[in-house]
Amino acid sequence: MGESALIDKETGRIFWEGGISNTLTAMVGSKVRKLLQVHHLRATILSSILWIGIVRALAERWTVSDAANKALRLVQWTLLLLPRFDAWFLWIVALLYGIESYFCNTRQYLTHCIASAEELEAYLEQLREVAPRVEWKVRSFHYEIISPTLAKIVGALQNMTATSPLEQLSEEQALLANSTDTIVVTQRDVPAWMKRKKITNFTIGTYQYQDCIDKTLAGIWKRAKGYYYETSLAAPLSKITLSKLLVLSDGKTRRDYFKQQATFVSEHCQSDSMAEFATNIVIPGFKPRLLAIRHRLDESLRARMALHFVSLPWFWCFTLLGLTAPYRFWFDDQCDELRVSVVKETSVEPRKIGGLNNNKVPWFWSRDTSVNNNDDGFMAKKEESNEFRILMQELKLYGGPSSVPLTNKEVVVNQDEELRNDELQDVIDSVESASIMAKEETSSDMV
């Protein structure tokens, strides 16, 4: 599954996915690494070539200078064993080495490093609270010939090399050979490098829904290797890979989604001869990769030293020294991998909370009881939220229950719950008294 996906809850079908496929990349990458028994293969190869070139250059310089016979023999053996690379080739390898280091996963994790449990909790909870936005983008365009004169020359050359006479050529080729005003008609015969795309219309639309529930999931993907794996201790670092999933809750929501999409496409794709359509799921503040640091009271000396070297300056320092591959091997041993899927379940209509249909409300069901009914839905959502929070606390990525202060918002919510429970009890008492009075009236009528 990709970094973003649109899923139908009833059938489990994936209607759309975008971004890099995190799971597939991890699975295929692990198979390749297991087969080759080498991690960070590109960095290892490029670093090895650079070091071979540097060592050979130093050996050649050493032979020029005066030195002892034993050292000279060693240098000569080095020159015989190591291959020789030209300077231009080493400069290209150095450039590729820098580009590969910039785009590697290690640098991306270090760039989005979160240093405290409180900061990580605030970030993930903010992702869970915001509503998603589904964007549809349509670009209408056509192709224009860059140089009509050059197109005529190319067309004439094509006609000269044709084996059939002019009368047997296609209509478009004949027009190109004999006319000067039919460039648009003959675009398919012109090479691609002679045409350019001209965008005439660009429109963005959004999917409109009524309700959304967060059902974010998390789980350990890989345990840290080495010392932390052997001692069963939690690694000081955790690589967090995030994905965003939009779930259509039922068939009615699915039909409404594709109806809105079809309406948008039909309105904006007819303005030119060609059109491109794209879908994108937007969650404000979303980052595909994070690095979380676990601060614990029982940290060992090994963990404290590891945290000292986890930073972008240290990464670039080792990279400039040609030691980016050893740094990445060490970095992987300090991290476990966590997958977090930010799941947003949308619905075309508001949820029916408490199992009651809004169209069939009993006569005794007052506004106060409907408020309490909404509280039931609030408590259900709160329980789902607590499950994710408890899991993150068990992974030592969130602060513990005792260390999390009670905010003013939670105090207000608790006070509101007490007031609403009192109001509900008053409603129940009034309903019971009304039923008793009704029974007394029916019994008196019978007498």
Foldseek 3Di string as FASTA:
>chain_A
DALEFEAAPPPRDTPDHDHHRPVVCVVVVVVVCVVVVDPPVLLVVLLVVLVLAVLLVVLVVVCVDDDDPVVVVVSVVSNVPGDYDDPVVNVVSLVVLVVCLCPDPLLVQQVFEDEALVVVVVLVVLLLPFDKKKKKKKWEKDKDFQDLVVQLVVLVVVQVPDPDDLVPDDPLSNCSPPHSPCCVVNVVVGDPVRMDIDTDDMDMDIDDADDKAWQKDKDFDFAFDDPCVVVVHFFQKAKEFEGEYEYAHDDVSVVSRVVVVVVVCVVPQPPHDGMDMDMDMDRPPDDRIYMYGFDDPPDDPVRVVVVVCRHDVNLVVCSVVSNNSVVVVVVSNRYTYMYMYGYMYTYRHDDDFPPDDPVDDDPLCDPLNVVVSVVNVVVVSVVSVVVVVVVCVVSSSHDDPVPDDDDPVNVVVVVVVVVSVVVVVVSVVVVVVVVVVVVVVVVVVVD
